[in-house]
Amino acid sequence: MQTRFYTPHLLLQEFINCVMVIHAEVDPKAPPVLCSYPPTPQNSLFFYINDPIKMRKEAGSGFLVQPRNVIVGPQLNCVTLDINKSHKAVRVGFHPGGLYRLLGISMAEMIDKSYDAADIFGNELREVNEKLQEAAGFDEINEVIEKFLLQKVSVLKRLLPFDAAMLELLRYNGNISIEQIASLACVSLRQFERVSKERIGMPPKLFARLVRFSKAYRMRENFSNLSWTSIAYECGYFDQTHFIRDFKEFAGVAPGIIEKELNNLPVRLQAGLRL
């Protein structure tokens, strides 16, 4: 599996965290590659360069083929992905509030939902997809994405102190009081709750828990030699009860089950993910 991260163009950095390009080749004779994809605080715009993937929201339900370009809002529940045998894709990861600034849609309306990006951006995505398929390598793929995104800068909703405050919450991996973050956002606690639901889709305390969980999950993917106890401590969990509770709520299973699943995955879609 090849993965490369790109720092966004200077004009994009106030609402986009990074651009991730991934290419994974799996033996065509191998069984379907099913990857559990847990909730993450980062909203995304995906470009599937090869065949689109399939997605299942609940165990026992059928897989649905996803559009070639997908906008993913705030996710609070785990989904299962069936990726194709030659998986080449781009993920544009947004800062907290970044997707709201781009679309102007309340993120509360997008919780656990994904949308065909063509419904929002129209026919211009057809040209983008053609250029992505013709691109010679990762750098050229990033150039195509960057050019597309730069055309959107002029339509962004304005930047608020709230957005900078939420970046600070990310920097502390969710381990900072909501009162401090509201103060940085220059609003009352009540106003902060309201703005948070609009721009990131959920109450700030829930978002902080999701940030902490995501940090723990990614650490397990990237550093398989670390014990769960070490990961819990590093991520700011002060007892095993809260640590296990968050894993069961967001991943649907206890940490020990996650470990077994990760060890058997040929492709790790969140490995190295930057928030």
C-alpha atoms as a PDB file:
ATOM      1  CA  MET A   1       0.000   0.000   0.000  1.00  0.00           C
ATOM      2  CA  GLN A   2       1.307   3.453  -0.922  1.00  0.00           C
ATOM      3  CA  THR A   3       0.114   6.541   0.931  1.00  0.00           C
ATOM      4  CA  ARG A   4       1.248  10.118   0.547  1.00  0.00           C
ATOM      5  CA  PHE A   5       0.119  13.256   2.380  1.00  0.00           C
ATOM      6  CA  TYR A   6       0.267  16.728   0.894  1.00  0.00           C
ATOM      7  CA  THR A   7       0.230  20.027   2.747  1.00  0.00           C
ATOM      8  CA  PRO A   8      -2.502  22.154   1.143  1.00  0.00           C
ATOM      9  CA  HIS A   9      -1.744  25.277  -0.855  1.00  0.00           C
ATOM     10  CA  LEU A  10      -1.393  28.338   1.379  1.00  0.00           C
ATOM     11  CA  LEU A  11      -4.801  29.654   0.282  1.00  0.00           C
ATOM     12  CA  LEU A  12      -6.435  26.347   1.275  1.00  0.00           C
ATOM     13  CA  GLN A  13      -4.859  25.878   4.674  1.00  0.00           C
ATOM     14  CA  GLU A  14      -7.451  27.795   6.668  1.00  0.00           C
ATOM     15  CA  PHE A  15     -10.155  25.212   5.889  1.00  0.00           C
ATOM     16  CA  ILE A  16      -8.338  22.092   4.662  1.00  0.00           C
ATOM     17  CA  ASN A  17      -6.067  19.978   6.841  1.00  0.00           C
ATOM     18  CA  CYS A  18      -4.390  17.782   4.224  1.00  0.00           C
ATOM     19  CA  VAL A  19      -4.767  15.898   0.985  1.00  0.00           C
ATOM     20  CA  MET A  20      -4.141  12.160   1.222  1.00  0.00           C
ATOM     21  CA  VAL A  21      -3.510   9.985  -1.848  1.00  0.00           C
ATOM     22  CA  ILE A  22      -3.659   6.209  -1.412  1.00  0.00           C
ATOM     23  CA  HIS A  23      -3.034   3.308  -3.781  1.00  0.00           C
ATOM     24  CA  ALA A  24      -3.444  -0.284  -2.635  1.00  0.00           C
ATOM     25  CA  GLU A  25      -3.182  -3.339  -4.880  1.00  0.00           C
ATOM     26  CA  VAL A  26      -4.762  -6.570  -3.634  1.00  0.00           C
ATOM     27  CA  ASP A  27      -4.470 -10.033  -5.184  1.00  0.00           C
ATOM     28  CA  PRO A  28      -7.426 -10.313  -7.621  1.00  0.00           C
ATOM     29  CA  LYS A  29      -7.942 -13.911  -6.462  1.00  0.00           C
ATOM     30  CA  ALA A  30      -8.226 -12.879  -2.818  1.00  0.00           C
ATOM     31  CA  PRO A  31     -11.632 -12.622  -1.134  1.00  0.00           C
ATOM     32  CA  PRO A  32     -13.284  -9.188  -0.834  1.00  0.00           C
ATOM     33  CA  VAL A  33     -11.310  -6.718   1.272  1.00  0.00           C
ATOM     34  CA  LEU A  34     -13.676  -5.559   4.010  1.00  0.00           C
ATOM     35  CA  CYS A  35     -12.369  -2.670   6.099  1.00  0.00           C
ATOM     36  CA  SER A  36     -14.034  -1.347   9.223  1.00  0.00           C
ATOM     37  CA  TYR A  37     -13.990   2.460   9.125  1.00  0.00           C
ATOM     38  CA  PRO A  38     -14.653   4.047  12.518  1.00  0.00           C
ATOM     39  CA  PRO A  39     -15.936   7.553  13.193  1.00  0.00           C
ATOM     40  CA  THR A  40     -13.423  10.353  12.809  1.00  0.00           C
ATOM     41  CA  PRO A  41     -13.757  14.046  13.667  1.00  0.00           C
ATOM     42  CA  GLN A  42     -12.515  14.966  10.201  1.00  0.00           C
ATOM     43  CA  ASN A  43     -15.099  15.538   7.460  1.00  0.00           C
ATOM     44  CA  SER A  44     -13.943  14.548   4.011  1.00  0.00           C
ATOM     45  CA  LEU A  45     -14.310  14.782   0.266  1.00  0.00           C
ATOM     46  CA  PHE A  46     -13.322  11.548  -1.513  1.00  0.00           C
ATOM     47  CA  PHE A  47     -12.303  11.015  -5.125  1.00  0.00           C
ATOM     48  CA  TYR A  48     -12.250   7.361  -6.201  1.00  0.00           C
ATOM     49  CA  ILE A  49      -9.953   7.152  -9.197  1.00  0.00           C
ATOM     50  CA  ASN A  50     -10.434   3.466  -9.946  1.00  0.00           C
ATOM     51  CA  ASP A  51     -13.699   1.606  -9.420  1.00  0.00           C
ATOM     52  CA  PRO A  52     -15.929   3.102  -6.693  1.00  0.00           C
ATOM     53  CA  ILE A  53     -16.053   1.294  -3.366  1.00  0.00           C
ATOM     54  CA  LYS A  54     -19.047  -0.293  -1.636  1.00  0.00           C
ATOM     55  CA  MET A  55     -20.265   0.701   1.807  1.00  0.00           C
ATOM     56  CA  ARG A  56     -22.392  -0.993   4.465  1.00  0.00           C
ATOM     57  CA  LYS A  57     -23.755   0.892   7.459  1.00  0.00           C
ATOM     58  CA  GLU A  58     -25.105  -1.980   9.547  1.00  0.00           C
ATOM     59  CA  ALA A  59     -24.019  -5.602   9.946  1.00  0.00           C
ATOM     60  CA  GLY A  60     -26.323  -7.867   7.990  1.00  0.00           C
ATOM     61  CA  SER A  61     -27.410  -5.163   5.552  1.00  0.00           C
ATOM     62  CA  GLY A  62     -26.318  -5.083   1.932  1.00  0.00           C
ATOM     63  CA  PHE A  63     -23.401  -3.126   0.485  1.00  0.00           C
ATOM     64  CA  LEU A  64     -24.204  -0.055  -1.586  1.00  0.00           C
ATOM     65  CA  VAL A  65     -21.970   1.139  -4.416  1.00  0.00           C
ATOM     66  CA  GLN A  66     -20.719   4.638  -3.650  1.00  0.00           C
ATOM     67  CA  PRO A  67     -20.487   7.482  -6.173  1.00  0.00           C
ATOM     68  CA  ARG A  68     -17.099   8.261  -7.677  1.00  0.00           C
ATOM     69  CA  ASN A  69     -16.978  11.471  -5.624  1.00  0.00           C
ATOM     70  CA  VAL A  70     -18.363  11.438  -2.088  1.00  0.00           C
ATOM     71  CA  ILE A  71     -18.828  14.135   0.547  1.00  0.00           C
ATOM     72  CA  VAL A  72     -18.820  12.679   4.049  1.00  0.00           C
ATOM     73  CA  GLY A  73     -20.277  14.658   6.940  1.00  0.00           C
ATOM     74  CA  PRO A  74     -19.799  14.083  10.681  1.00  0.00           C
ATOM     75  CA  GLN A  75     -19.753  10.360  11.408  1.00  0.00           C
ATOM     76  CA  LEU A  76     -20.710   8.935  14.809  1.00  0.00           C
ATOM     77  CA  ASN A  77     -21.087   5.303  13.770  1.00  0.00           C
ATOM     78  CA  CYS A  78     -18.738   2.770  12.261  1.00  0.00           C
ATOM     79  CA  VAL A  79     -19.234   1.618   8.644  1.00  0.00           C
ATOM     80  CA  THR A  80     -17.750  -1.253   6.657  1.00  0.00           C
ATOM     81  CA  LEU A  81     -16.088  -0.625   3.301  1.00  0.00           C
ATOM     82  CA  ASP A  82     -15.605  -3.159   0.518  1.00  0.00           C
ATOM     83  CA  ILE A  83     -12.735  -1.725  -1.506  1.00  0.00           C
ATOM     84  CA  ASN A  84     -11.855  -2.838  -5.006  1.00  0.00           C
ATOM     85  CA  LYS A  85      -8.713  -4.845  -5.739  1.00  0.00           C
ATOM     86  CA  SER A  86      -6.928  -1.813  -7.170  1.00  0.00           C
ATOM     87  CA  HIS A  87      -7.877   0.899  -4.738  1.00  0.00           C
ATOM     88  CA  LYS A  88      -6.691   4.356  -5.763  1.00  0.00           C
ATOM     89  CA  ALA A  89      -8.312   7.313  -4.084  1.00  0.00           C
ATOM     90  CA  VAL A  90      -7.882  10.846  -2.768  1.00  0.00           C
ATOM     91  CA  ARG A  91      -9.180  12.068   0.553  1.00  0.00           C
ATOM     92  CA  VAL A  92      -9.449  15.794   1.211  1.00  0.00           C
ATOM     93  CA  GLY A  93      -9.634  16.260   4.986  1.00  0.00           C
ATOM     94  CA  PHE A  94     -11.223  19.429   6.367  1.00  0.00           C
ATOM     95  CA  HIS A  95     -10.464  21.345   9.533  1.00  0.00           C
ATOM     96  CA  PRO A  96     -13.345  21.511  12.051  1.00  0.00           C
ATOM     97  CA  GLY A  97     -15.931  23.774  10.441  1.00  0.00           C
ATOM     98  CA  GLY A  98     -14.140  23.642   7.079  1.00  0.00           C
ATOM     99  CA  LEU A  99     -16.788  21.609   5.279  1.00  0.00           C
ATOM    100  CA  TYR A 100     -19.475  23.955   6.625  1.00  0.00           C
ATOM    101  CA  ARG A 101     -17.517  26.930   5.276  1.00  0.00           C
ATOM    102  CA  LEU A 102     -17.329  25.293   1.857  1.00  0.00           C
ATOM    103  CA  LEU A 103     -20.935  24.093   1.568  1.00  0.00           C
ATOM    104  CA  GLY A 104     -22.854  26.499   3.823  1.00  0.00           C
ATOM    105  CA  ILE A 105     -24.956  23.560   5.085  1.00  0.00           C
ATOM    106  CA  SER A 106     -25.519  22.869   8.782  1.00  0.00           C
ATOM    107  CA  MET A 107     -23.369  19.878   9.682  1.00  0.00           C
ATOM    108  CA  ALA A 108     -26.116  18.702  12.052  1.00  0.00           C
ATOM    109  CA  GLU A 109     -28.085  17.744   8.920  1.00  0.00           C
ATOM    110  CA  MET A 110     -25.167  15.636   7.646  1.00  0.00           C
ATOM    111  CA  ILE A 111     -24.460  13.403  10.667  1.00  0.00           C
ATOM    112  CA  ASP A 112     -23.804   9.810   9.554  1.00  0.00           C
ATOM    113  CA  LYS A 113     -24.576  10.742   5.963  1.00  0.00           C
ATOM    114  CA  SER A 114     -22.666  10.905   2.717  1.00  0.00           C
ATOM    115  CA  TYR A 115     -23.603  12.596  -0.539  1.00  0.00           C
ATOM    116  CA  ASP A 116     -22.739  12.369  -4.200  1.00  0.00           C
ATOM    117  CA  ALA A 117     -20.440  15.363  -4.662  1.00  0.00           C
ATOM    118  CA  ALA A 118     -21.705  15.735  -8.240  1.00  0.00           C
ATOM    119  CA  ASP A 119     -25.059  16.866  -6.812  1.00  0.00           C
ATOM    120  CA  ILE A 120     -23.263  19.860  -5.288  1.00  0.00           C
ATOM    121  CA  PHE A 121     -20.405  20.641  -7.664  1.00  0.00           C
ATOM    122  CA  GLY A 122     -22.076  19.563 -10.893  1.00  0.00           C
ATOM    123  CA  ASN A 123     -20.417  18.744 -14.195  1.00  0.00           C
ATOM    124  CA  GLU A 124     -17.041  20.222 -13.257  1.00  0.00           C
ATOM    125  CA  LEU A 125     -16.288  16.982 -11.411  1.00  0.00           C
ATOM    126  CA  ARG A 126     -16.421  15.075 -14.691  1.00  0.00           C
ATOM    127  CA  GLU A 127     -13.369  16.952 -15.941  1.00  0.00           C
ATOM    128  CA  VAL A 128     -11.632  16.502 -12.570  1.00  0.00           C
ATOM    129  CA  ASN A 129     -12.222  12.740 -12.666  1.00  0.00           C
ATOM    130  CA  GLU A 130     -10.882  12.487 -16.213  1.00  0.00           C
ATOM    131  CA  LYS A 131      -7.703  14.326 -15.234  1.00  0.00           C
ATOM    132  CA  LEU A 132      -7.258  12.140 -12.155  1.00  0.00           C
ATOM    133  CA  GLN A 133      -7.427   8.996 -14.275  1.00  0.00           C
ATOM    134  CA  GLU A 134      -4.870  10.437 -16.701  1.00  0.00           C
ATOM    135  CA  ALA A 135      -2.507  11.627 -13.949  1.00  0.00           C
ATOM    136  CA  ALA A 136       0.941  10.028 -14.139  1.00  0.00           C
ATOM    137  CA  GLY A 137       1.617   9.871 -10.390  1.00  0.00           C
ATOM    138  CA  PHE A 138       0.720  11.068  -6.913  1.00  0.00           C
ATOM    139  CA  ASP A 139       2.129  14.570  -7.424  1.00  0.00           C
ATOM    140  CA  GLU A 140       0.069  15.090 -10.555  1.00  0.00           C
ATOM    141  CA  ILE A 141      -3.040  13.793  -8.762  1.00  0.00           C
ATOM    142  CA  ASN A 142      -2.487  16.334  -6.008  1.00  0.00           C
ATOM    143  CA  GLU A 143      -2.105  19.133  -8.560  1.00  0.00           C
ATOM    144  CA  VAL A 144      -5.498  18.269 -10.082  1.00  0.00           C
ATOM    145  CA  ILE A 145      -7.180  18.301  -6.661  1.00  0.00           C
ATOM    146  CA  GLU A 146      -5.443  21.521  -5.634  1.00  0.00           C
ATOM    147  CA  LYS A 147      -6.566  23.345  -8.768  1.00  0.00           C
ATOM    148  CA  PHE A 148     -10.162  22.236  -8.184  1.00  0.00           C
ATOM    149  CA  LEU A 149     -10.133  23.375  -4.547  1.00  0.00           C
ATOM    150  CA  LEU A 150      -8.535  26.744  -5.284  1.00  0.00           C
ATOM    151  CA  GLN A 151     -11.565  27.574  -7.422  1.00  0.00           C
ATOM    152  CA  LYS A 152     -13.728  27.256  -4.275  1.00  0.00           C
ATOM    153  CA  VAL A 153     -11.877  29.729  -2.051  1.00  0.00           C
ATOM    154  CA  SER A 154     -13.959  32.707  -3.201  1.00  0.00           C
ATOM    155  CA  VAL A 155     -17.246  31.104  -2.053  1.00  0.00           C
ATOM    156  CA  LEU A 156     -16.145  30.169   1.494  1.00  0.00           C
ATOM    157  CA  LYS A 157     -18.144  31.277   4.502  1.00  0.00           C
ATOM    158  CA  ARG A 158     -16.084  33.659   6.630  1.00  0.00           C
ATOM    159  CA  LEU A 159     -13.584  32.400   9.181  1.00  0.00           C
ATOM    160  CA  LEU A 160     -14.646  32.808  12.833  1.00  0.00           C
ATOM    161  CA  PRO A 161     -12.677  32.706  16.100  1.00  0.00           C
ATOM    162  CA  PHE A 162     -14.656  29.503  16.698  1.00  0.00           C
ATOM    163  CA  ASP A 163     -12.733  27.772  13.909  1.00  0.00           C
ATOM    164  CA  ALA A 164      -9.360  28.629  15.440  1.00  0.00           C
ATOM    165  CA  ALA A 165     -10.621  27.519  18.858  1.00  0.00           C
ATOM    166  CA  MET A 166     -11.612  24.102  17.522  1.00  0.00           C
ATOM    167  CA  LEU A 167      -8.143  23.673  16.032  1.00  0.00           C
ATOM    168  CA  GLU A 168      -6.802  24.247  19.534  1.00  0.00           C
ATOM    169  CA  LEU A 169      -9.110  21.524  20.821  1.00  0.00           C
ATOM    170  CA  LEU A 170      -7.650  19.198  18.190  1.00  0.00           C
ATOM    171  CA  ARG A 171      -4.120  20.151  19.222  1.00  0.00           C
ATOM    172  CA  TYR A 172      -4.913  19.025  22.764  1.00  0.00           C
ATOM    173  CA  ASN A 173      -6.549  15.804  21.471  1.00  0.00           C
ATOM    174  CA  GLY A 174      -9.824  16.818  23.118  1.00  0.00           C
ATOM    175  CA  ASN A 175      -8.185  17.150  26.538  1.00  0.00           C
ATOM    176  CA  ILE A 176      -9.034  20.764  27.298  1.00  0.00           C
ATOM    177  CA  SER A 177     -12.100  22.161  28.997  1.00  0.00           C
ATOM    178  CA  ILE A 178     -15.001  23.320  26.858  1.00  0.00           C
ATOM    179  CA  GLU A 179     -15.071  26.525  28.912  1.00  0.00           C
ATOM    180  CA  GLN A 180     -11.520  27.315  27.762  1.00  0.00           C
ATOM    181  CA  ILE A 181     -12.371  26.599  24.133  1.00  0.00           C
ATOM    182  CA  ALA A 182     -15.519  28.755  24.309  1.00  0.00           C
ATOM    183  CA  SER A 183     -13.395  31.572  25.708  1.00  0.00           C
ATOM    184  CA  LEU A 184     -10.970  31.247  22.801  1.00  0.00           C
ATOM    185  CA  ALA A 185     -13.963  31.364  20.448  1.00  0.00           C
ATOM    186  CA  CYS A 186     -14.978  34.698  22.038  1.00  0.00           C
ATOM    187  CA  VAL A 187     -18.546  33.553  22.736  1.00  0.00           C
ATOM    188  CA  SER A 188     -20.588  32.469  25.724  1.00  0.00           C
ATOM    189  CA  LEU A 189     -20.842  28.776  26.510  1.00  0.00           C
ATOM    190  CA  ARG A 190     -24.428  28.723  25.272  1.00  0.00           C
ATOM    191  CA  GLN A 191     -23.500  30.419  21.998  1.00  0.00           C
ATOM    192  CA  PHE A 192     -20.557  28.062  21.638  1.00  0.00           C
ATOM    193  CA  GLU A 193     -22.878  25.047  21.843  1.00  0.00           C
ATOM    194  CA  ARG A 194     -25.134  26.521  19.154  1.00  0.00           C
ATOM    195  CA  VAL A 195     -22.304  27.406  16.758  1.00  0.00           C
ATOM    196  CA  SER A 196     -20.712  24.004  17.334  1.00  0.00           C
ATOM    197  CA  LYS A 197     -23.850  22.145  16.272  1.00  0.00           C
ATOM    198  CA  GLU A 198     -24.071  24.242  13.104  1.00  0.00           C
ATOM    199  CA  ARG A 199     -20.407  24.182  12.024  1.00  0.00           C
ATOM    200  CA  ILE A 200     -19.307  20.711  13.187  1.00  0.00           C
ATOM    201  CA  GLY A 201     -22.673  18.993  13.662  1.00  0.00           C
ATOM    202  CA  MET A 202     -22.501  17.994  17.323  1.00  0.00           C
ATOM    203  CA  PRO A 203     -22.051  19.344  20.860  1.00  0.00           C
ATOM    204  CA  PRO A 204     -18.435  20.248  21.668  1.00  0.00           C
ATOM    205  CA  LYS A 205     -18.108  17.675  24.474  1.00  0.00           C
ATOM    206  CA  LEU A 206     -19.115  14.866  22.121  1.00  0.00           C
ATOM    207  CA  PHE A 207     -16.700  16.204  19.507  1.00  0.00           C
ATOM    208  CA  ALA A 208     -13.888  16.241  22.087  1.00  0.00           C
ATOM    209  CA  ARG A 209     -14.604  12.580  22.936  1.00  0.00           C
ATOM    210  CA  LEU A 210     -14.545  11.699  19.244  1.00  0.00           C
ATOM    211  CA  VAL A 211     -11.194  13.467  18.815  1.00  0.00           C
ATOM    212  CA  ARG A 212      -9.699  11.516  21.729  1.00  0.00           C
ATOM    213  CA  PHE A 213     -11.072   8.183  20.473  1.00  0.00           C
ATOM    214  CA  SER A 214      -9.788   8.815  16.947  1.00  0.00           C
ATOM    215  CA  LYS A 215      -6.328   9.566  18.296  1.00  0.00           C
ATOM    216  CA  ALA A 216      -6.323   6.247  20.175  1.00  0.00           C
ATOM    217  CA  TYR A 217      -7.548   4.276  17.160  1.00  0.00           C
ATOM    218  CA  ARG A 218      -4.942   5.776  14.835  1.00  0.00           C
ATOM    219  CA  MET A 219      -2.170   5.137  17.356  1.00  0.00           C
ATOM    220  CA  ARG A 220      -3.122   1.454  17.375  1.00  0.00           C
ATOM    221  CA  GLU A 221      -2.999   1.333  13.578  1.00  0.00           C
ATOM    222  CA  ASN A 222       0.363   3.079  13.384  1.00  0.00           C
ATOM    223  CA  PHE A 223       2.114   1.556  16.422  1.00  0.00           C
ATOM    224  CA  SER A 224       0.988  -2.027  16.834  1.00  0.00           C
ATOM    225  CA  ASN A 225       3.681  -2.627  19.459  1.00  0.00           C
ATOM    226  CA  LEU A 226       2.070  -0.199  21.931  1.00  0.00           C
ATOM    227  CA  SER A 227      -0.161  -1.615  24.648  1.00  0.00           C
ATOM    228  CA  TRP A 228      -3.715  -0.378  25.040  1.00  0.00           C
ATOM    229  CA  THR A 229      -2.759   0.924  28.481  1.00  0.00           C
ATOM    230  CA  SER A 230      -0.020   3.095  26.982  1.00  0.00           C
ATOM    231  CA  ILE A 231      -2.341   4.341  24.251  1.00  0.00           C
ATOM    232  CA  ALA A 232      -5.085   5.206  26.750  1.00  0.00           C
ATOM    233  CA  TYR A 233      -2.624   7.195  28.857  1.00  0.00           C
ATOM    234  CA  GLU A 234      -1.116   8.980  25.841  1.00  0.00           C
ATOM    235  CA  CYS A 235      -4.569  10.020  24.607  1.00  0.00           C
ATOM    236  CA  GLY A 236      -5.657  11.457  27.944  1.00  0.00           C
ATOM    237  CA  TYR A 237      -7.915   8.686  29.249  1.00  0.00           C
ATOM    238  CA  PHE A 238      -7.612   8.593  33.016  1.00  0.00           C
ATOM    239  CA  ASP A 239      -9.247   5.207  33.525  1.00  0.00           C
ATOM    240  CA  GLN A 240      -9.984   2.057  31.519  1.00  0.00           C
ATOM    241  CA  THR A 241     -13.737   2.438  31.977  1.00  0.00           C
ATOM    242  CA  HIS A 242     -13.975   5.619  29.888  1.00  0.00           C
ATOM    243  CA  PHE A 243     -11.504   4.217  27.358  1.00  0.00           C
ATOM    244  CA  ILE A 244     -13.530   1.036  26.789  1.00  0.00           C
ATOM    245  CA  ARG A 245     -16.818   2.958  26.808  1.00  0.00           C
ATOM    246  CA  ASP A 246     -15.677   5.227  23.977  1.00  0.00           C
ATOM    247  CA  PHE A 247     -14.454   2.291  21.890  1.00  0.00           C
ATOM    248  CA  LYS A 248     -17.739   0.447  22.316  1.00  0.00           C
ATOM    249  CA  GLU A 249     -19.737   3.573  21.465  1.00  0.00           C
ATOM    250  CA  PHE A 250     -17.739   4.722  18.434  1.00  0.00           C
ATOM    251  CA  ALA A 251     -16.204   1.501  17.084  1.00  0.00           C
ATOM    252  CA  GLY A 252     -18.977  -0.815  18.241  1.00  0.00           C
ATOM    253  CA  VAL A 253     -16.571  -3.249  19.903  1.00  0.00           C
ATOM    254  CA  ALA A 254     -14.028  -3.399  22.727  1.00  0.00           C
ATOM    255  CA  PRO A 255     -10.352  -2.494  22.031  1.00  0.00           C
ATOM    256  CA  GLY A 256      -9.283  -6.151  22.045  1.00  0.00           C
ATOM    257  CA  ILE A 257     -11.583  -6.941  19.110  1.00  0.00           C
ATOM    258  CA  ILE A 258     -10.243  -3.949  17.191  1.00  0.00           C
ATOM    259  CA  GLU A 259      -6.718  -5.292  17.634  1.00  0.00           C
ATOM    260  CA  LYS A 260      -7.639  -8.636  16.038  1.00  0.00           C
ATOM    261  CA  GLU A 261      -9.401  -6.909  13.137  1.00  0.00           C
ATOM    262  CA  LEU A 262      -6.451  -4.605  12.425  1.00  0.00           C
ATOM    263  CA  ASN A 263      -3.978  -7.490  12.470  1.00  0.00           C
ATOM    264  CA  ASN A 264      -5.950  -9.225   9.714  1.00  0.00           C
ATOM    265  CA  LEU A 265      -6.461  -6.212   7.439  1.00  0.00           C
ATOM    266  CA  PRO A 266      -4.385  -6.058   4.222  1.00  0.00           C
ATOM    267  CA  VAL A 267      -5.261  -2.354   3.871  1.00  0.00           C
ATOM    268  CA  ARG A 268      -5.398   0.159   6.717  1.00  0.00           C
ATOM    269  CA  LEU A 269      -7.318   3.184   5.531  1.00  0.00           C
ATOM    270  CA  GLN A 270      -6.644   5.384   8.567  1.00  0.00           C
ATOM    271  CA  ALA A 271      -2.956   4.552   9.016  1.00  0.00           C
ATOM    272  CA  GLY A 272      -1.046   7.813   9.206  1.00  0.00           C
ATOM    273  CA  LEU A 273      -4.262   9.845   9.033  1.00  0.00           C
ATOM    274  CA  ARG A 274      -3.618  13.459  10.039  1.00  0.00           C
ATOM    275  CA  LEU A 275      -6.157  15.531  11.926  1.00  0.00           C
END
